[in-house]
């Protein structure tokens, strides 16, 4: 009985050696994509201050000014905008920030490099 067990173990070991030798070497795997990918900068939830019109925004510690300021001519936000804030998403890419909301409004701002406060104050 011991001889059969010894022969069985020897046969199993020989089979594993043969099968293991037939396998091709493993290809190293990485998580790096084969080609560079680009993605849009992630937007952040943002409450844009609109009470006296849309002129400036402070985003992530930097001050931005609207490329095209918006108001109703009397120092209020244009029709269709919330007052005193409009909720939406602000996306910052370099020195540019773009605000979008669910109502279809879009405002583009550019950074005021070195600014430490707003140009205008609103009461």
PDB file of N, CA and C in Angstrom:
ATOM      1  N   UNK A   1       0.826  -1.177   0.000  1.00  0.00           N
ATOM      2  CA  UNK A   1       0.000   0.000   0.000  1.00  0.00           C
ATOM      3  C   UNK A   1       0.873   1.244   0.000  1.00  0.00           C
ATOM      4  N   UNK A   2       1.961   1.224   0.772  1.00  0.00           N
ATOM      5  CA  UNK A   2       2.862   2.364   0.830  1.00  0.00           C
ATOM      6  C   UNK A   2       3.504   2.607  -0.518  1.00  0.00           C
ATOM      7  N   UNK A   3       3.732   1.532  -1.284  1.00  0.00           N
ATOM      8  CA  UNK A   3       4.348   1.673  -2.597  1.00  0.00           C
ATOM      9  C   UNK A   3       3.398   2.387  -3.544  1.00  0.00           C
ATOM     10  N   UNK A   4       2.112   2.025  -3.498  1.00  0.00           N
ATOM     11  CA  UNK A   4       1.135   2.708  -4.367  1.00  0.00           C
ATOM     12  C   UNK A   4       1.028   4.192  -4.026  1.00  0.00           C
ATOM     13  N   UNK A   5       1.023   4.528  -2.752  1.00  0.00           N
ATOM     14  CA  UNK A   5       0.926   5.926  -2.331  1.00  0.00           C
ATOM     15  C   UNK A   5       2.155   6.692  -2.804  1.00  0.00           C
ATOM     16  N   UNK A   6       3.320   6.091  -2.680  1.00  0.00           N
ATOM     17  CA  UNK A   6       4.556   6.731  -3.131  1.00  0.00           C
ATOM     18  C   UNK A   6       4.548   6.951  -4.628  1.00  0.00           C
ATOM     19  N   UNK A   7       4.049   5.941  -5.399  1.00  0.00           N
ATOM     20  CA  UNK A   7       3.969   6.086  -6.854  1.00  0.00           C
ATOM     21  C   UNK A   7       2.972   7.180  -7.243  1.00  0.00           C
ATOM     22  N   UNK A   8       1.864   7.277  -6.503  1.00  0.00           N
ATOM     23  CA  UNK A   8       0.845   8.305  -6.786  1.00  0.00           C
ATOM     24  C   UNK A   8       1.398   9.705  -6.567  1.00  0.00           C
ATOM     25  N   UNK A   9       2.140   9.883  -5.486  1.00  0.00           N
ATOM     26  CA  UNK A   9       2.717  11.198  -5.202  1.00  0.00           C
ATOM     27  C   UNK A   9       3.761  11.548  -6.252  1.00  0.00           C
ATOM     28  N   UNK A  10       4.575  10.572  -6.637  1.00  0.00           N
ATOM     29  CA  UNK A  10       5.597  10.807  -7.655  1.00  0.00           C
ATOM     30  C   UNK A  10       4.956  11.173  -8.983  1.00  0.00           C
ATOM     31  N   UNK A  11       3.884  10.481  -9.364  1.00  0.00           N
ATOM     32  CA  UNK A  11       3.190  10.762 -10.625  1.00  0.00           C
ATOM     33  C   UNK A  11       2.575  12.159 -10.599  1.00  0.00           C
ATOM     34  N   UNK A  12       1.978  12.539  -9.468  1.00  0.00           N
ATOM     35  CA  UNK A  12       1.368  13.861  -9.354  1.00  0.00           C
ATOM     36  C   UNK A  12       2.427  14.950  -9.464  1.00  0.00           C
ATOM     37  N   UNK A  13       3.567  14.752  -8.818  1.00  0.00           N
ATOM     38  CA  UNK A  13       4.643  15.737  -8.869  1.00  0.00           C
ATOM     39  C   UNK A  13       5.177  15.873 -10.286  1.00  0.00           C
ATOM     40  N   UNK A  14       5.321  14.763 -10.993  1.00  0.00           N
ATOM     41  CA  UNK A  14       5.817  14.793 -12.370  1.00  0.00           C
ATOM     42  C   UNK A  14       4.832  15.523 -13.274  1.00  0.00           C
ATOM     43  N   UNK A  15       3.530  15.284 -13.084  1.00  0.00           N
ATOM     44  CA  UNK A  15       2.503  15.950 -13.891  1.00  0.00           C
ATOM     45  C   UNK A  15       2.545  17.458 -13.671  1.00  0.00           C
ATOM     46  N   UNK A  16       2.656  17.887 -12.416  1.00  0.00           N
ATOM     47  CA  UNK A  16       2.725  19.320 -12.115  1.00  0.00           C
ATOM     48  C   UNK A  16       3.966  19.956 -12.727  1.00  0.00           C
ATOM     49  N   UNK A  17       5.085  19.252 -12.694  1.00  0.00           N
ATOM     50  CA  UNK A  17       6.320  19.781 -13.269  1.00  0.00           C
ATOM     51  C   UNK A  17       6.174  19.970 -14.769  1.00  0.00           C
ATOM     52  N   UNK A  18       5.547  19.014 -15.446  1.00  0.00           N
ATOM     53  CA  UNK A  18       5.362  19.109 -16.896  1.00  0.00           C
ATOM     54  C   UNK A  18       4.403  20.243 -17.234  1.00  0.00           C
ATOM     55  N   UNK A  19       3.267  20.303 -16.530  1.00  0.00           N
ATOM     56  CA  UNK A  19       2.285  21.353 -16.810  1.00  0.00           C
ATOM     57  C   UNK A  19       2.831  22.733 -16.479  1.00  0.00           C
ATOM     58  N   UNK A  20       3.550  22.843 -15.401  1.00  0.00           N
ATOM     59  CA  UNK A  20       4.124  24.129 -15.012  1.00  0.00           C
ATOM     60  C   UNK A  20       5.150  24.602 -16.020  1.00  0.00           C
ATOM     61  N   UNK A  21       5.885  23.706 -16.618  1.00  0.00           N
ATOM     62  CA  UNK A  21       6.889  24.069 -17.605  1.00  0.00           C
ATOM     63  C   UNK A  21       6.278  24.513 -18.914  1.00  0.00           C
ATOM     64  N   UNK A  22       5.030  24.133 -19.186  1.00  0.00           N
ATOM     65  CA  UNK A  22       4.379  24.493 -20.444  1.00  0.00           C
ATOM     66  C   UNK A  22       3.750  25.879 -20.403  1.00  0.00           C
ATOM     67  N   UNK A  23       3.550  26.392 -19.227  1.00  0.00           N
ATOM     68  CA  UNK A  23       2.882  27.691 -19.124  1.00  0.00           C
ATOM     69  C   UNK A  23       3.831  28.796 -19.552  1.00  0.00           C
ATOM     70  N   UNK A  24       3.306  29.786 -20.253  1.00  0.00           N
ATOM     71  CA  UNK A  24       4.136  30.918 -20.658  1.00  0.00           C
ATOM     72  C   UNK A  24       4.338  31.820 -19.448  1.00  0.00           C
ATOM     73  N   UNK A  25       5.421  32.568 -19.422  1.00  0.00           N
ATOM     74  CA  UNK A  25       5.658  33.446 -18.282  1.00  0.00           C
ATOM     75  C   UNK A  25       4.553  34.496 -18.196  1.00  0.00           C
ATOM     76  N   UNK A  26       4.236  34.875 -16.985  1.00  0.00           N
ATOM     77  CA  UNK A  26       3.182  35.864 -16.765  1.00  0.00           C
ATOM     78  C   UNK A  26       3.633  37.229 -17.275  1.00  0.00           C
ATOM     79  N   UNK A  27       2.720  37.939 -17.912  1.00  0.00           N
ATOM     80  CA  UNK A  27       2.998  39.294 -18.377  1.00  0.00           C
ATOM     81  C   UNK A  27       2.763  40.241 -17.213  1.00  0.00           C
ATOM     82  N   UNK A  28       3.713  41.127 -16.930  1.00  0.00           N
ATOM     83  CA  UNK A  28       3.499  42.056 -15.824  1.00  0.00           C
ATOM     84  C   UNK A  28       2.280  42.935 -16.108  1.00  0.00           C
ATOM     85  N   UNK A  29       1.476  43.151 -15.100  1.00  0.00           N
ATOM     86  CA  UNK A  29       0.277  43.976 -15.231  1.00  0.00           C
ATOM     87  C   UNK A  29       0.513  45.306 -14.532  1.00  0.00           C
ATOM     88  N   UNK A  30       0.053  46.383 -15.150  1.00  0.00           N
ATOM     89  CA  UNK A  30       0.134  47.699 -14.530  1.00  0.00           C
ATOM     90  C   UNK A  30      -1.223  48.360 -14.636  1.00  0.00           C
ATOM     91  N   UNK A  31      -1.413  49.373 -13.849  1.00  0.00           N
ATOM     92  CA  UNK A  31      -2.650  50.148 -13.903  1.00  0.00           C
ATOM     93  C   UNK A  31      -2.477  51.410 -14.732  1.00  0.00           C
ATOM     94  N   UNK A  32      -1.378  51.538 -15.436  1.00  0.00           N
ATOM     95  CA  UNK A  32      -1.127  52.712 -16.267  1.00  0.00           C
ATOM     96  C   UNK A  32      -1.773  52.495 -17.625  1.00  0.00           C
ATOM     97  N   UNK A  33      -2.625  53.430 -18.082  1.00  0.00           N
ATOM     98  CA  UNK A  33      -3.260  53.248 -19.386  1.00  0.00           C
ATOM     99  C   UNK A  33      -2.222  53.306 -20.500  1.00  0.00           C
ATOM    100  N   UNK A  34      -2.532  52.650 -21.603  1.00  0.00           N
ATOM    101  CA  UNK A  34      -1.633  52.610 -22.741  1.00  0.00           C
ATOM    102  C   UNK A  34      -1.466  53.957 -23.407  1.00  0.00           C
ATOM    103  N   UNK A  35      -2.476  54.802 -23.351  1.00  0.00           N
ATOM    104  CA  UNK A  35      -2.372  56.135 -23.936  1.00  0.00           C
ATOM    105  C   UNK A  35      -2.911  57.134 -22.926  1.00  0.00           C
ATOM    106  N   UNK A  36      -2.407  58.363 -22.957  1.00  0.00           N
ATOM    107  CA  UNK A  36      -2.882  59.341 -21.992  1.00  0.00           C
ATOM    108  C   UNK A  36      -4.361  59.638 -22.201  1.00  0.00           C
ATOM    109  N   UNK A  37      -5.037  59.881 -21.099  1.00  0.00           N
ATOM    110  CA  UNK A  37      -6.453  60.225 -21.182  1.00  0.00           C
ATOM    111  C   UNK A  37      -6.638  61.641 -20.665  1.00  0.00           C
ATOM    112  N   UNK A  38      -7.622  62.311 -21.190  1.00  0.00           N
ATOM    113  CA  UNK A  38      -7.948  63.637 -20.710  1.00  0.00           C
ATOM    114  C   UNK A  38      -9.360  63.611 -20.176  1.00  0.00           C
ATOM    115  N   UNK A  39      -9.571  64.382 -19.147  1.00  0.00           N
ATOM    116  CA  UNK A  39     -10.912  64.480 -18.597  1.00  0.00           C
ATOM    117  C   UNK A  39     -11.140  65.927 -18.189  1.00  0.00           C
ATOM    118  N   UNK A  40     -12.376  66.303 -18.159  1.00  0.00           N
ATOM    119  CA  UNK A  40     -12.723  67.656 -17.763  1.00  0.00           C
ATOM    120  C   UNK A  40     -12.429  67.838 -16.283  1.00  0.00           C
ATOM    121  N   UNK A  41     -12.075  69.052 -15.928  1.00  0.00           N
ATOM    122  CA  UNK A  41     -11.864  69.341 -14.522  1.00  0.00           C
ATOM    123  C   UNK A  41     -13.179  69.122 -13.788  1.00  0.00           C
ATOM    124  N   UNK A  42     -13.096  68.539 -12.598  1.00  0.00           N
ATOM    125  CA  UNK A  42     -14.343  68.287 -11.883  1.00  0.00           C
ATOM    126  C   UNK A  42     -14.955  69.586 -11.370  1.00  0.00           C
ATOM    127  N   UNK A  43     -16.249  69.696 -11.484  1.00  0.00           N
ATOM    128  CA  UNK A  43     -16.953  70.857 -10.966  1.00  0.00           C
ATOM    129  C   UNK A  43     -17.265  70.667  -9.498  1.00  0.00           C
ATOM    130  N   UNK A  44     -17.454  71.777  -8.802  1.00  0.00           N
ATOM    131  CA  UNK A  44     -17.808  71.726  -7.393  1.00  0.00           C
ATOM    132  C   UNK A  44     -19.156  72.419  -7.203  1.00  0.00           C
ATOM    133  N   UNK A  45     -19.978  71.919  -6.287  1.00  0.00           N
ATOM    134  CA  UNK A  45     -21.227  72.627  -5.993  1.00  0.00           C
ATOM    135  C   UNK A  45     -20.890  74.050  -5.545  1.00  0.00           C
ATOM    136  N   UNK A  46     -21.654  75.010  -6.040  1.00  0.00           N
ATOM    137  CA  UNK A  46     -21.312  76.406  -5.775  1.00  0.00           C
ATOM    138  C   UNK A  46     -22.575  77.242  -5.676  1.00  0.00           C
ATOM    139  N   UNK A  47     -22.640  78.114  -4.663  1.00  0.00           N
ATOM    140  CA  UNK A  47     -23.732  79.074  -4.517  1.00  0.00           C
ATOM    141  C   UNK A  47     -23.198  80.428  -4.979  1.00  0.00           C
ATOM    142  N   UNK A  48     -23.561  80.831  -6.188  1.00  0.00           N
ATOM    143  CA  UNK A  48     -23.083  82.087  -6.769  1.00  0.00           C
ATOM    144  C   UNK A  48     -23.871  83.252  -6.173  1.00  0.00           C
ATOM    145  N   UNK A  49     -23.157  84.217  -5.594  1.00  0.00           N
ATOM    146  CA  UNK A  49     -23.805  85.391  -5.012  1.00  0.00           C
ATOM    147  C   UNK A  49     -24.320  86.275  -6.143  1.00  0.00           C
ATOM    148  N   UNK A  50     -25.613  86.540  -6.139  1.00  0.00           N
ATOM    149  CA  UNK A  50     -26.257  87.271  -7.236  1.00  0.00           C
ATOM    150  C   UNK A  50     -26.987  88.529  -6.774  1.00  0.00           C
ATOM    151  N   UNK A  51     -27.037  88.800  -5.488  1.00  0.00           N
ATOM    152  CA  UNK A  51     -27.909  89.832  -4.918  1.00  0.00           C
ATOM    153  C   UNK A  51     -27.794  91.194  -5.611  1.00  0.00           C
ATOM    154  N   UNK A  52     -26.599  91.637  -5.938  1.00  0.00           N
ATOM    155  CA  UNK A  52     -26.402  92.939  -6.601  1.00  0.00           C
ATOM    156  C   UNK A  52     -25.969  92.781  -8.051  1.00  0.00           C
ATOM    157  N   UNK A  53     -26.330  91.675  -8.651  1.00  0.00           N
ATOM    158  CA  UNK A  53     -25.882  91.368 -10.006  1.00  0.00           C
ATOM    159  C   UNK A  53     -24.742  90.363  -9.942  1.00  0.00           C
ATOM    160  N   UNK A  54     -24.314  89.921 -11.100  1.00  0.00           N
ATOM    161  CA  UNK A  54     -23.284  88.883 -11.168  1.00  0.00           C
ATOM    162  C   UNK A  54     -22.027  89.519 -11.743  1.00  0.00           C
ATOM    163  N   UNK A  55     -21.089  89.794 -10.842  1.00  0.00           N
ATOM    164  CA  UNK A  55     -19.858  90.482 -11.222  1.00  0.00           C
ATOM    165  C   UNK A  55     -18.610  89.699 -10.845  1.00  0.00           C
ATOM    166  N   UNK A  56     -18.618  89.123  -9.658  1.00  0.00           N
ATOM    167  CA  UNK A  56     -17.420  88.484  -9.129  1.00  0.00           C
ATOM    168  C   UNK A  56     -17.776  87.193  -8.408  1.00  0.00           C
ATOM    169  N   UNK A  57     -16.746  86.399  -8.168  1.00  0.00           N
ATOM    170  CA  UNK A  57     -16.905  85.167  -7.387  1.00  0.00           C
ATOM    171  C   UNK A  57     -15.581  84.864  -6.699  1.00  0.00           C
ATOM    172  N   UNK A  58     -15.677  84.316  -5.508  1.00  0.00           N
ATOM    173  CA  UNK A  58     -14.490  83.813  -4.826  1.00  0.00           C
ATOM    174  C   UNK A  58     -14.585  82.299  -4.844  1.00  0.00           C
ATOM    175  N   UNK A  59     -13.607  81.659  -5.478  1.00  0.00           N
ATOM    176  CA  UNK A  59     -13.623  80.210  -5.647  1.00  0.00           C
ATOM    177  C   UNK A  59     -12.306  79.648  -5.131  1.00  0.00           C
ATOM    178  N   UNK A  60     -12.390  78.745  -4.186  1.00  0.00           N
ATOM    179  CA  UNK A  60     -11.216  78.068  -3.637  1.00  0.00           C
ATOM    180  C   UNK A  60     -10.119  79.054  -3.252  1.00  0.00           C
ATOM    181  N   UNK A  61     -10.510  80.169  -2.634  1.00  0.00           N
ATOM    182  CA  UNK A  61      -9.553  81.151  -2.139  1.00  0.00           C
ATOM    183  C   UNK A  61      -9.070  82.171  -3.162  1.00  0.00           C
ATOM    184  N   UNK A  62      -9.464  82.055  -4.417  1.00  0.00           N
ATOM    185  CA  UNK A  62      -9.067  83.009  -5.461  1.00  0.00           C
ATOM    186  C   UNK A  62     -10.267  83.843  -5.886  1.00  0.00           C
ATOM    187  N   UNK A  63      -9.990  85.082  -6.292  1.00  0.00           N
ATOM    188  CA  UNK A  63     -11.049  85.983  -6.730  1.00  0.00           C
ATOM    189  C   UNK A  63     -11.115  86.005  -8.254  1.00  0.00           C
ATOM    190  N   UNK A  64     -12.338  85.931  -8.766  1.00  0.00           N
ATOM    191  CA  UNK A  64     -12.589  85.905 -10.204  1.00  0.00           C
ATOM    192  C   UNK A  64     -13.571  87.014 -10.548  1.00  0.00           C
ATOM    193  N   UNK A  65     -13.449  87.565 -11.764  1.00  0.00           N
ATOM    194  CA  UNK A  65     -14.366  88.598 -12.243  1.00  0.00           C
ATOM    195  C   UNK A  65     -15.069  88.069 -13.494  1.00  0.00           C
ATOM    196  N   UNK A  66     -16.351  88.394 -13.612  1.00  0.00           N
ATOM    197  CA  UNK A  66     -17.139  87.910 -14.752  1.00  0.00           C
ATOM    198  C   UNK A  66     -16.638  88.540 -16.045  1.00  0.00           C
ATOM    199  N   UNK A  67     -16.507  87.725 -17.083  1.00  0.00           N
ATOM    200  CA  UNK A  67     -16.137  88.249 -18.401  1.00  0.00           C
ATOM    201  C   UNK A  67     -17.225  89.190 -18.916  1.00  0.00           C
ATOM    202  N   UNK A  68     -18.479  88.852 -18.646  1.00  0.00           N
ATOM    203  CA  UNK A  68     -19.623  89.687 -19.019  1.00  0.00           C
ATOM    204  C   UNK A  68     -20.531  89.820 -17.797  1.00  0.00           C
ATOM    205  N   UNK A  69     -20.356  90.894 -17.010  1.00  0.00           N
ATOM    206  CA  UNK A  69     -21.201  91.073 -15.823  1.00  0.00           C
ATOM    207  C   UNK A  69     -22.685  91.079 -16.196  1.00  0.00           C
ATOM    208  N   UNK A  70     -23.502  90.579 -15.287  1.00  0.00           N
ATOM    209  CA  UNK A  70     -24.945  90.476 -15.528  1.00  0.00           C
ATOM    210  C   UNK A  70     -25.715  91.159 -14.407  1.00  0.00           C
ATOM    211  N   UNK A  71     -26.679  92.007 -14.771  1.00  0.00           N
ATOM    212  CA  UNK A  71     -27.641  92.543 -13.810  1.00  0.00           C
ATOM    213  C   UNK A  71     -28.870  93.022 -14.566  1.00  0.00           C
ATOM    214  N   UNK A  72     -29.866  93.490 -13.820  1.00  0.00           N
ATOM    215  CA  UNK A  72     -31.112  93.923 -14.462  1.00  0.00           C
ATOM    216  C   UNK A  72     -31.133  95.415 -14.755  1.00  0.00           C
ATOM    217  N   UNK A  73     -30.006  96.094 -14.570  1.00  0.00           N
ATOM    218  CA  UNK A  73     -29.948  97.541 -14.776  1.00  0.00           C
ATOM    219  C   UNK A  73     -30.231  98.333 -13.516  1.00  0.00           C
ATOM    220  N   UNK A  74     -30.670  97.657 -12.460  1.00  0.00           N
ATOM    221  CA  UNK A  74     -30.979  98.314 -11.192  1.00  0.00           C
ATOM    222  C   UNK A  74     -30.199  97.685 -10.040  1.00  0.00           C
ATOM    223  N   UNK A  75     -29.122  96.978 -10.353  1.00  0.00           N
ATOM    224  CA  UNK A  75     -28.293  96.384  -9.305  1.00  0.00           C
ATOM    225  C   UNK A  75     -28.836  95.091  -8.735  1.00  0.00           C
ATOM    226  N   UNK A  76     -29.661  94.414  -9.488  1.00  0.00           N
ATOM    227  CA  UNK A  76     -30.213  93.121  -9.068  1.00  0.00           C
ATOM    228  C   UNK A  76     -29.800  92.055 -10.080  1.00  0.00           C
ATOM    229  N   UNK A  77     -29.982  90.795  -9.733  1.00  0.00           N
ATOM    230  CA  UNK A  77     -29.694  89.760 -10.730  1.00  0.00           C
ATOM    231  C   UNK A  77     -30.698  89.842 -11.877  1.00  0.00           C
ATOM    232  N   UNK A  78     -30.315  89.379 -13.055  1.00  0.00           N
ATOM    233  CA  UNK A  78     -31.257  89.365 -14.175  1.00  0.00           C
ATOM    234  C   UNK A  78     -32.451  88.463 -13.875  1.00  0.00           C
ATOM    235  N   UNK A  79     -33.528  88.658 -14.617  1.00  0.00           N
ATOM    236  CA  UNK A  79     -34.716  87.811 -14.466  1.00  0.00           C
ATOM    237  C   UNK A  79     -34.323  86.347 -14.658  1.00  0.00           C
ATOM    238  N   UNK A  80     -34.899  85.498 -13.832  1.00  0.00           N
ATOM    239  CA  UNK A  80     -34.637  84.062 -13.936  1.00  0.00           C
ATOM    240  C   UNK A  80     -33.513  83.566 -13.044  1.00  0.00           C
ATOM    241  N   UNK A  81     -32.813  84.485 -12.393  1.00  0.00           N
ATOM    242  CA  UNK A  81     -31.740  84.115 -11.474  1.00  0.00           C
ATOM    243  C   UNK A  81     -32.249  84.189 -10.044  1.00  0.00           C
ATOM    244  N   UNK A  82     -31.718  83.313  -9.192  1.00  0.00           N
ATOM    245  CA  UNK A  82     -32.052  83.352  -7.769  1.00  0.00           C
ATOM    246  C   UNK A  82     -31.470  84.602  -7.118  1.00  0.00           C
ATOM    247  N   UNK A  83     -32.046  84.975  -5.977  1.00  0.00           N
ATOM    248  CA  UNK A  83     -31.573  86.126  -5.234  1.00  0.00           C
ATOM    249  C   UNK A  83     -31.724  85.824  -3.745  1.00  0.00           C
ATOM    250  N   UNK A  84     -30.710  85.764  -2.966  1.00  0.00           N
ATOM    251  CA  UNK A  84     -29.387  86.330  -3.166  1.00  0.00           C
ATOM    252  C   UNK A  84     -28.345  85.364  -3.754  1.00  0.00           C
ATOM    253  N   UNK A  85     -28.695  84.099  -3.923  1.00  0.00           N
ATOM    254  CA  UNK A  85     -27.750  83.119  -4.469  1.00  0.00           C
ATOM    255  C   UNK A  85     -28.400  82.295  -5.568  1.00  0.00           C
ATOM    256  N   UNK A  86     -27.569  81.795  -6.465  1.00  0.00           N
ATOM    257  CA  UNK A  86     -28.015  80.848  -7.489  1.00  0.00           C
ATOM    258  C   UNK A  86     -27.184  79.580  -7.309  1.00  0.00           C
ATOM    259  N   UNK A  87     -27.835  78.445  -6.997  1.00  0.00           N
ATOM    260  CA  UNK A  87     -27.067  77.204  -6.845  1.00  0.00           C
ATOM    261  C   UNK A  87     -26.661  76.645  -8.199  1.00  0.00           C
ATOM    262  N   UNK A  88     -25.481  76.058  -8.244  1.00  0.00           N
ATOM    263  CA  UNK A  88     -25.004  75.458  -9.486  1.00  0.00           C
ATOM    264  C   UNK A  88     -23.684  74.751  -9.283  1.00  0.00           C
ATOM    265  N   UNK A  89     -22.921  74.672 -10.351  1.00  0.00           N
ATOM    266  CA  UNK A  89     -21.618  74.000 -10.351  1.00  0.00           C
ATOM    267  C   UNK A  89     -20.583  74.976 -10.903  1.00  0.00           C
ATOM    268  N   UNK A  90     -19.451  75.091 -10.210  1.00  0.00           N
ATOM    269  CA  UNK A  90     -18.344  75.932 -10.676  1.00  0.00           C
ATOM    270  C   UNK A  90     -17.190  75.012 -11.059  1.00  0.00           C
ATOM    271  N   UNK A  91     -16.662  75.216 -12.251  1.00  0.00           N
ATOM    272  CA  UNK A  91     -15.522  74.444 -12.739  1.00  0.00           C
ATOM    273  C   UNK A  91     -14.360  75.402 -12.956  1.00  0.00           C
ATOM    274  N   UNK A  92     -13.228  75.110 -12.336  1.00  0.00           N
ATOM    275  CA  UNK A  92     -12.043  75.957 -12.471  1.00  0.00           C
ATOM    276  C   UNK A  92     -11.015  75.221 -13.315  1.00  0.00           C
ATOM    277  N   UNK A  93     -10.540  75.894 -14.347  1.00  0.00           N
ATOM    278  CA  UNK A  93      -9.478  75.366 -15.205  1.00  0.00           C
ATOM    279  C   UNK A  93      -8.463  76.476 -15.402  1.00  0.00           C
ATOM    280  N   UNK A  94      -7.335  76.360 -14.726  1.00  0.00           N
ATOM    281  CA  UNK A  94      -6.314  77.397 -14.818  1.00  0.00           C
ATOM    282  C   UNK A  94      -6.831  78.699 -14.248  1.00  0.00           C
ATOM    283  N   UNK A  95      -6.781  79.768 -15.046  1.00  0.00           N
ATOM    284  CA  UNK A  95      -7.220  81.086 -14.595  1.00  0.00           C
ATOM    285  C   UNK A  95      -8.658  81.383 -14.996  1.00  0.00           C
ATOM    286  N   UNK A  96      -9.383  80.373 -15.379  1.00  0.00           N
ATOM    287  CA  UNK A  96     -10.771  80.538 -15.816  1.00  0.00           C
ATOM    288  C   UNK A  96     -11.691  79.708 -14.928  1.00  0.00           C
ATOM    289  N   UNK A  97     -12.843  80.256 -14.607  1.00  0.00           N
ATOM    290  CA  UNK A  97     -13.867  79.536 -13.853  1.00  0.00           C
ATOM    291  C   UNK A  97     -15.180  79.683 -14.609  1.00  0.00           C
ATOM    292  N   UNK A  98     -15.930  78.597 -14.702  1.00  0.00           N
ATOM    293  CA  UNK A  98     -17.207  78.628 -15.416  1.00  0.00           C
ATOM    294  C   UNK A  98     -18.292  78.111 -14.480  1.00  0.00           C
ATOM    295  N   UNK A  99     -19.355  78.914 -14.333  1.00  0.00           N
ATOM    296  CA  UNK A  99     -20.507  78.552 -13.512  1.00  0.00           C
ATOM    297  C   UNK A  99     -21.629  78.078 -14.427  1.00  0.00           C
ATOM    298  N   UNK A 100     -22.239  76.942 -14.077  1.00  0.00           N
ATOM    299  CA  UNK A 100     -23.410  76.401 -14.789  1.00  0.00           C
ATOM    300  C   UNK A 100     -24.467  76.056 -13.748  1.00  0.00           C
ATOM    301  N   UNK A 101     -25.727  76.163 -14.140  1.00  0.00           N
ATOM    302  CA  UNK A 101     -26.791  75.712 -13.244  1.00  0.00           C
ATOM    303  C   UNK A 101     -27.829  74.909 -14.025  1.00  0.00           C
ATOM    304  N   UNK A 102     -28.775  74.348 -13.296  1.00  0.00           N
ATOM    305  CA  UNK A 102     -29.812  73.527 -13.924  1.00  0.00           C
ATOM    306  C   UNK A 102     -30.773  74.350 -14.783  1.00  0.00           C
ATOM    307  N   UNK A 103     -30.789  75.676 -14.597  1.00  0.00           N
ATOM    308  CA  UNK A 103     -31.659  76.540 -15.387  1.00  0.00           C
ATOM    309  C   UNK A 103     -31.066  76.923 -16.738  1.00  0.00           C
ATOM    310  N   UNK A 104     -29.853  76.447 -17.026  1.00  0.00           N
ATOM    311  CA  UNK A 104     -29.219  76.755 -18.302  1.00  0.00           C
ATOM    312  C   UNK A 104     -28.345  77.995 -18.289  1.00  0.00           C
ATOM    313  N   UNK A 105     -28.197  78.625 -17.123  1.00  0.00           N
ATOM    314  CA  UNK A 105     -27.335  79.804 -17.032  1.00  0.00           C
ATOM    315  C   UNK A 105     -25.866  79.392 -17.066  1.00  0.00           C
ATOM    316  N   UNK A 106     -25.056  80.211 -17.719  1.00  0.00           N
ATOM    317  CA  UNK A 106     -23.604  80.012 -17.751  1.00  0.00           C
ATOM    318  C   UNK A 106     -22.932  81.368 -17.609  1.00  0.00           C
ATOM    319  N   UNK A 107     -21.949  81.446 -16.729  1.00  0.00           N
ATOM    320  CA  UNK A 107     -21.151  82.659 -16.572  1.00  0.00           C
ATOM    321  C   UNK A 107     -19.689  82.240 -16.563  1.00  0.00           C
ATOM    322  N   UNK A 108     -18.873  82.924 -17.359  1.00  0.00           N
ATOM    323  CA  UNK A 108     -17.440  82.656 -17.389  1.00  0.00           C
ATOM    324  C   UNK A 108     -16.716  83.776 -16.648  1.00  0.00           C
ATOM    325  N   UNK A 109     -15.809  83.390 -15.786  1.00  0.00           N
ATOM    326  CA  UNK A 109     -15.019  84.325 -14.987  1.00  0.00           C
ATOM    327  C   UNK A 109     -13.544  84.127 -15.309  1.00  0.00           C
ATOM    328  N   UNK A 110     -12.737  85.155 -15.074  1.00  0.00           N
ATOM    329  CA  UNK A 110     -11.280  84.995 -15.147  1.00  0.00           C
ATOM    330  C   UNK A 110     -10.684  85.469 -13.825  1.00  0.00           C
ATOM    331  N   UNK A 111      -9.587  84.847 -13.459  1.00  0.00           N
ATOM    332  CA  UNK A 111      -8.968  85.107 -12.163  1.00  0.00           C
ATOM    333  C   UNK A 111      -8.342  86.496 -12.114  1.00  0.00           C
ATOM    334  N   UNK A 112      -8.490  87.131 -10.976  1.00  0.00           N
ATOM    335  CA  UNK A 112      -7.794  88.383 -10.683  1.00  0.00           C
ATOM    336  C   UNK A 112      -6.568  88.006  -9.856  1.00  0.00           C
ATOM    337  N   UNK A 113      -5.488  87.708 -10.525  1.00  0.00           N
ATOM    338  CA  UNK A 113      -4.277  87.230  -9.850  1.00  0.00           C
ATOM    339  C   UNK A 113      -3.827  88.216  -8.776  1.00  0.00           C
ATOM    340  N   UNK A 114      -3.539  87.702  -7.602  1.00  0.00           N
ATOM    341  CA  UNK A 114      -3.054  88.521  -6.497  1.00  0.00           C
ATOM    342  C   UNK A 114      -4.137  89.271  -5.746  1.00  0.00           C
ATOM    343  N   UNK A 115      -5.391  89.178  -6.168  1.00  0.00           N
ATOM    344  CA  UNK A 115      -6.478  89.898  -5.498  1.00  0.00           C
ATOM    345  C   UNK A 115      -6.673  89.360  -4.085  1.00  0.00           C
ATOM    346  N   UNK A 116      -6.981  90.272  -3.177  1.00  0.00           N
ATOM    347  CA  UNK A 116      -7.217  89.881  -1.785  1.00  0.00           C
ATOM    348  C   UNK A 116      -8.635  90.206  -1.328  1.00  0.00           C
ATOM    349  N   UNK A 117      -9.446  90.723  -2.227  1.00  0.00           N
ATOM    350  CA  UNK A 117     -10.823  91.048  -1.886  1.00  0.00           C
ATOM    351  C   UNK A 117     -11.624  91.342  -3.144  1.00  0.00           C
ATOM    352  N   UNK A 118     -12.915  91.563  -2.939  1.00  0.00           N
ATOM    353  CA  UNK A 118     -13.800  91.885  -4.056  1.00  0.00           C
ATOM    354  C   UNK A 118     -13.587  93.336  -4.501  1.00  0.00           C
ATOM    355  N   UNK A 119     -13.841  93.626  -5.770  1.00  0.00           N
ATOM    356  CA  UNK A 119     -13.760  94.989  -6.295  1.00  0.00           C
ATOM    357  C   UNK A 119     -14.942  95.828  -5.823  1.00  0.00           C
ATOM    358  N   UNK A 120     -16.104  95.191  -5.685  1.00  0.00           N
ATOM    359  CA  UNK A 120     -17.337  95.877  -5.303  1.00  0.00           C
ATOM    360  C   UNK A 120     -17.877  95.262  -4.024  1.00  0.00           C
ATOM    361  N   UNK A 121     -18.508  96.087  -3.232  1.00  0.00           N
ATOM    362  CA  UNK A 121     -19.226  95.563  -2.070  1.00  0.00           C
ATOM    363  C   UNK A 121     -20.706  95.782  -2.314  1.00  0.00           C
ATOM    364  N   UNK A 122     -21.491  94.903  -1.797  1.00  0.00           N
ATOM    365  CA  UNK A 122     -22.930  94.923  -2.023  1.00  0.00           C
ATOM    366  C   UNK A 122     -23.619  94.995  -0.672  1.00  0.00           C
ATOM    367  N   UNK A 123     -24.612  95.851  -0.566  1.00  0.00           N
ATOM    368  CA  UNK A 123     -25.321  95.950   0.714  1.00  0.00           C
ATOM    369  C   UNK A 123     -26.610  95.180   0.690  1.00  0.00           C
TER     370      UNK A 123
END
